[in-house]
Each structure stands twice: as C-alpha cells, then as structure tokens.
Amino acid sequence: MSETPVAEMSFEQAMAELEKVVGRLESGDVPLEDSIRLYERGAELKARCEAKLKEAEEKVARITLDENGQPRGTEPLDPA
C-alpha cells in the first residue's frame, strides 16, 4: 500500500488504493489485526474520495453558461 498520506492523495490515487484494500479484505486471508488496520485505512480513503467528489460537484454547479450554451465562467455556489 501507498505511504502517501490520504489527505495528499488525488481522487484517482485514493480510489485505486481503496480498491486494493477492499480486495485484500474480501480475500479473507488477512490476519485480524491487519484486517482492522486495512478497514481503518479504507474508511479514510472512502472519506477522501467522497470529499473530492463533493468538491468536483460544487465546481460543476458553479459553472455558468452564456446564451449559446457555452461555459463563460463560474459564479459563487448558493449554499441554500
């Protein structure tokens, strides 16, 4: 597994490592203590992926279009 701190991972890095963690846990041949550590790492990775997705969704929501349907920039997200 990666030594990169989860908080520094891109979405793609976190997702790839999360898939590896899930694969190892599903294999069933991981000792209990290692399973617990893997589960904790997986929870961190999942949270990172969710945060990066939310960030991307917010960016997409702020994109405004001109009268021709072309992106013209972004505007602040209305948190309401």
N, C-alpha and C. Protein backbone atom coordinates (compact mmCIF):
# COMPACT_ATOMS: atom_id res chain seq x y z
N MET A 1 0.82 -1.18 0.00
CA MET A 1 0.00 0.00 0.00
C MET A 1 0.86 1.24 0.00
N SER A 2 0.27 2.31 -0.41
CA SER A 2 0.96 3.58 -0.55
C SER A 2 1.34 4.17 0.81
N GLU A 3 2.47 4.81 0.85
CA GLU A 3 2.91 5.53 2.04
C GLU A 3 2.42 6.97 2.01
N THR A 4 1.79 7.37 0.90
CA THR A 4 1.28 8.73 0.75
C THR A 4 0.16 8.96 1.76
N PRO A 5 0.23 10.07 2.52
CA PRO A 5 -0.88 10.37 3.43
C PRO A 5 -2.19 10.53 2.64
N VAL A 6 -3.26 10.01 3.17
CA VAL A 6 -4.56 10.05 2.49
C VAL A 6 -4.94 11.48 2.13
N ALA A 7 -4.67 12.42 3.01
CA ALA A 7 -5.06 13.82 2.78
C ALA A 7 -4.34 14.44 1.58
N GLU A 8 -3.26 13.83 1.13
CA GLU A 8 -2.50 14.35 -0.01
C GLU A 8 -2.81 13.62 -1.32
N MET A 9 -3.68 12.62 -1.26
CA MET A 9 -3.98 11.81 -2.45
C MET A 9 -5.00 12.49 -3.35
N SER A 10 -4.83 12.27 -4.65
CA SER A 10 -5.86 12.67 -5.60
C SER A 10 -7.01 11.69 -5.48
N PHE A 11 -8.11 12.03 -6.11
CA PHE A 11 -9.25 11.11 -6.12
C PHE A 11 -8.85 9.76 -6.71
N GLU A 12 -8.12 9.80 -7.83
CA GLU A 12 -7.74 8.57 -8.51
C GLU A 12 -6.82 7.70 -7.66
N GLN A 13 -5.88 8.33 -6.97
CA GLN A 13 -4.97 7.58 -6.10
C GLN A 13 -5.74 6.93 -4.96
N ALA A 14 -6.62 7.70 -4.33
CA ALA A 14 -7.39 7.17 -3.20
C ALA A 14 -8.31 6.04 -3.64
N MET A 15 -8.94 6.19 -4.80
CA MET A 15 -9.84 5.16 -5.29
C MET A 15 -9.07 3.87 -5.62
N ALA A 16 -7.91 4.01 -6.24
CA ALA A 16 -7.11 2.83 -6.58
C ALA A 16 -6.68 2.09 -5.33
N GLU A 17 -6.25 2.83 -4.33
CA GLU A 17 -5.83 2.17 -3.09
C GLU A 17 -7.02 1.56 -2.37
N LEU A 18 -8.16 2.25 -2.38
CA LEU A 18 -9.36 1.71 -1.76
C LEU A 18 -9.76 0.39 -2.40
N GLU A 19 -9.65 0.30 -3.71
CA GLU A 19 -9.96 -0.96 -4.41
C GLU A 19 -9.02 -2.08 -3.95
N LYS A 20 -7.76 -1.76 -3.74
CA LYS A 20 -6.80 -2.76 -3.25
C LYS A 20 -7.16 -3.21 -1.83
N VAL A 21 -7.51 -2.24 -0.99
CA VAL A 21 -7.89 -2.55 0.39
C VAL A 21 -9.10 -3.49 0.40
N VAL A 22 -10.11 -3.15 -0.36
CA VAL A 22 -11.32 -3.97 -0.42
C VAL A 22 -10.98 -5.38 -0.93
N GLY A 23 -10.15 -5.46 -1.95
CA GLY A 23 -9.74 -6.77 -2.47
C GLY A 23 -9.06 -7.63 -1.42
N ARG A 24 -8.18 -7.01 -0.66
CA ARG A 24 -7.48 -7.77 0.39
C ARG A 24 -8.44 -8.21 1.47
N LEU A 25 -9.35 -7.33 1.86
CA LEU A 25 -10.31 -7.70 2.89
C LEU A 25 -11.25 -8.80 2.41
N GLU A 26 -11.67 -8.71 1.14
CA GLU A 26 -12.57 -9.73 0.59
C GLU A 26 -11.89 -11.08 0.42
N SER A 27 -10.58 -11.08 0.30
CA SER A 27 -9.87 -12.35 0.11
C SER A 27 -10.00 -13.26 1.32
N GLY A 28 -10.17 -12.65 2.50
CA GLY A 28 -10.38 -13.45 3.70
C GLY A 28 -9.13 -14.07 4.28
N ASP A 29 -7.98 -13.82 3.69
CA ASP A 29 -6.76 -14.44 4.22
C ASP A 29 -5.83 -13.42 4.88
N VAL A 30 -6.43 -12.39 5.49
CA VAL A 30 -5.68 -11.36 6.19
C VAL A 30 -5.90 -11.56 7.69
N PRO A 31 -4.83 -11.59 8.46
CA PRO A 31 -4.99 -11.73 9.91
C PRO A 31 -5.87 -10.62 10.50
N LEU A 32 -6.49 -10.90 11.62
CA LEU A 32 -7.45 -9.99 12.22
C LEU A 32 -6.87 -8.59 12.44
N GLU A 33 -5.71 -8.49 13.04
CA GLU A 33 -5.12 -7.17 13.31
C GLU A 33 -4.88 -6.40 12.01
N ASP A 34 -4.41 -7.09 10.99
CA ASP A 34 -4.21 -6.45 9.69
C ASP A 34 -5.54 -6.04 9.07
N SER A 35 -6.56 -6.85 9.27
CA SER A 35 -7.89 -6.52 8.75
C SER A 35 -8.41 -5.24 9.37
N ILE A 36 -8.19 -5.09 10.66
CA ILE A 36 -8.64 -3.89 11.35
C ILE A 36 -7.91 -2.67 10.80
N ARG A 37 -6.60 -2.78 10.62
CA ARG A 37 -5.81 -1.69 10.07
C ARG A 37 -6.26 -1.35 8.65
N LEU A 38 -6.50 -2.39 7.85
CA LEU A 38 -6.98 -2.18 6.48
C LEU A 38 -8.34 -1.50 6.47
N TYR A 39 -9.22 -1.94 7.35
CA TYR A 39 -10.55 -1.33 7.42
C TYR A 39 -10.45 0.15 7.76
N GLU A 40 -9.60 0.49 8.73
CA GLU A 40 -9.42 1.89 9.11
C GLU A 40 -8.87 2.70 7.94
N ARG A 41 -7.88 2.14 7.23
CA ARG A 41 -7.31 2.83 6.07
C ARG A 41 -8.40 3.00 5.00
N GLY A 42 -9.18 1.96 4.79
CA GLY A 42 -10.27 2.02 3.81
C GLY A 42 -11.28 3.10 4.15
N ALA A 43 -11.59 3.25 5.42
CA ALA A 43 -12.54 4.29 5.84
C ALA A 43 -11.97 5.68 5.54
N GLU A 44 -10.68 5.87 5.78
CA GLU A 44 -10.03 7.15 5.45
C GLU A 44 -10.06 7.41 3.95
N LEU A 45 -9.76 6.38 3.18
CA LEU A 45 -9.75 6.52 1.72
C LEU A 45 -11.14 6.83 1.19
N LYS A 46 -12.14 6.17 1.73
CA LYS A 46 -13.53 6.42 1.31
C LYS A 46 -13.91 7.86 1.59
N ALA A 47 -13.56 8.35 2.77
CA ALA A 47 -13.88 9.74 3.12
C ALA A 47 -13.17 10.71 2.18
N ARG A 48 -11.93 10.40 1.81
CA ARG A 48 -11.18 11.26 0.88
C ARG A 48 -11.88 11.29 -0.48
N CYS A 49 -12.27 10.13 -0.97
CA CYS A 49 -12.97 10.05 -2.27
C CYS A 49 -14.27 10.85 -2.23
N GLU A 50 -15.03 10.70 -1.16
CA GLU A 50 -16.29 11.43 -1.04
C GLU A 50 -16.05 12.94 -1.02
N ALA A 51 -15.02 13.39 -0.30
CA ALA A 51 -14.71 14.82 -0.23
C ALA A 51 -14.30 15.36 -1.60
N LYS A 52 -13.47 14.60 -2.33
CA LYS A 52 -13.03 15.05 -3.65
C LYS A 52 -14.22 15.09 -4.63
N LEU A 53 -15.13 14.13 -4.54
CA LEU A 53 -16.32 14.14 -5.40
C LEU A 53 -17.21 15.33 -5.09
N LYS A 54 -17.40 15.62 -3.82
CA LYS A 54 -18.22 16.77 -3.42
C LYS A 54 -17.59 18.06 -3.94
N GLU A 55 -16.28 18.16 -3.84
CA GLU A 55 -15.56 19.32 -4.35
C GLU A 55 -15.79 19.49 -5.86
N ALA A 56 -15.72 18.40 -6.59
CA ALA A 56 -15.94 18.44 -8.04
C ALA A 56 -17.38 18.82 -8.36
N GLU A 57 -18.34 18.25 -7.63
CA GLU A 57 -19.75 18.58 -7.85
C GLU A 57 -20.01 20.07 -7.62
N GLU A 58 -19.39 20.64 -6.60
CA GLU A 58 -19.56 22.06 -6.32
C GLU A 58 -18.98 22.92 -7.44
N LYS A 59 -17.85 22.51 -7.98
CA LYS A 59 -17.25 23.25 -9.09
C LYS A 59 -18.16 23.20 -10.31
N VAL A 60 -18.71 22.04 -10.61
CA VAL A 60 -19.61 21.89 -11.76
C VAL A 60 -20.87 22.73 -11.55
N ALA A 61 -21.37 22.75 -10.33
CA ALA A 61 -22.59 23.51 -10.04
C ALA A 61 -22.38 25.01 -10.23
N ARG A 62 -21.15 25.49 -10.11
CA ARG A 62 -20.87 26.93 -10.24
C ARG A 62 -20.63 27.36 -11.68
N ILE A 63 -20.50 26.43 -12.60
CA ILE A 63 -20.25 26.80 -13.99
C ILE A 63 -21.50 27.46 -14.57
N THR A 64 -21.31 28.61 -15.19
CA THR A 64 -22.43 29.30 -15.82
C THR A 64 -22.27 29.22 -17.34
N LEU A 65 -23.38 29.26 -18.04
CA LEU A 65 -23.37 29.17 -19.49
C LEU A 65 -23.85 30.49 -20.09
N ASP A 66 -23.32 30.81 -21.28
CA ASP A 66 -23.79 32.01 -21.97
C ASP A 66 -25.03 31.66 -22.79
N GLU A 67 -25.54 32.63 -23.56
CA GLU A 67 -26.76 32.42 -24.34
C GLU A 67 -26.63 31.33 -25.40
N ASN A 68 -25.39 30.96 -25.77
CA ASN A 68 -25.15 29.89 -26.74
C ASN A 68 -24.89 28.54 -26.07
N GLY A 69 -25.00 28.51 -24.75
CA GLY A 69 -24.78 27.27 -24.04
C GLY A 69 -23.31 26.96 -23.78
N GLN A 70 -22.45 27.94 -24.00
CA GLN A 70 -21.01 27.75 -23.79
C GLN A 70 -20.63 28.21 -22.39
N PRO A 71 -19.70 27.49 -21.73
CA PRO A 71 -19.26 27.93 -20.39
C PRO A 71 -18.63 29.31 -20.48
N ARG A 72 -19.02 30.20 -19.57
CA ARG A 72 -18.42 31.53 -19.55
C ARG A 72 -17.70 31.82 -18.25
N GLY A 73 -17.70 30.92 -17.35
CA GLY A 73 -17.02 31.12 -16.07
C GLY A 73 -17.79 30.47 -14.95
N THR A 74 -17.45 30.88 -13.77
CA THR A 74 -18.11 30.32 -12.60
C THR A 74 -18.71 31.43 -11.78
N GLU A 75 -19.66 31.06 -10.96
CA GLU A 75 -20.26 32.01 -10.03
C GLU A 75 -20.31 31.34 -8.68
N PRO A 76 -20.43 32.12 -7.61
CA PRO A 76 -20.47 31.51 -6.28
C PRO A 76 -21.63 30.55 -6.15
N LEU A 77 -21.39 29.47 -5.44
CA LEU A 77 -22.42 28.47 -5.18
C LEU A 77 -23.38 29.01 -4.12
N ASP A 78 -24.67 28.94 -4.41
CA ASP A 78 -25.68 29.37 -3.43
C ASP A 78 -25.88 28.23 -2.45
N PRO A 79 -25.43 28.39 -1.20
CA PRO A 79 -25.50 27.28 -0.24
C PRO A 79 -26.90 26.98 0.26
N ALA A 80 -27.92 27.63 -0.23
CA ALA A 80 -29.30 27.41 0.24
C ALA A 80 -29.85 26.12 -0.21
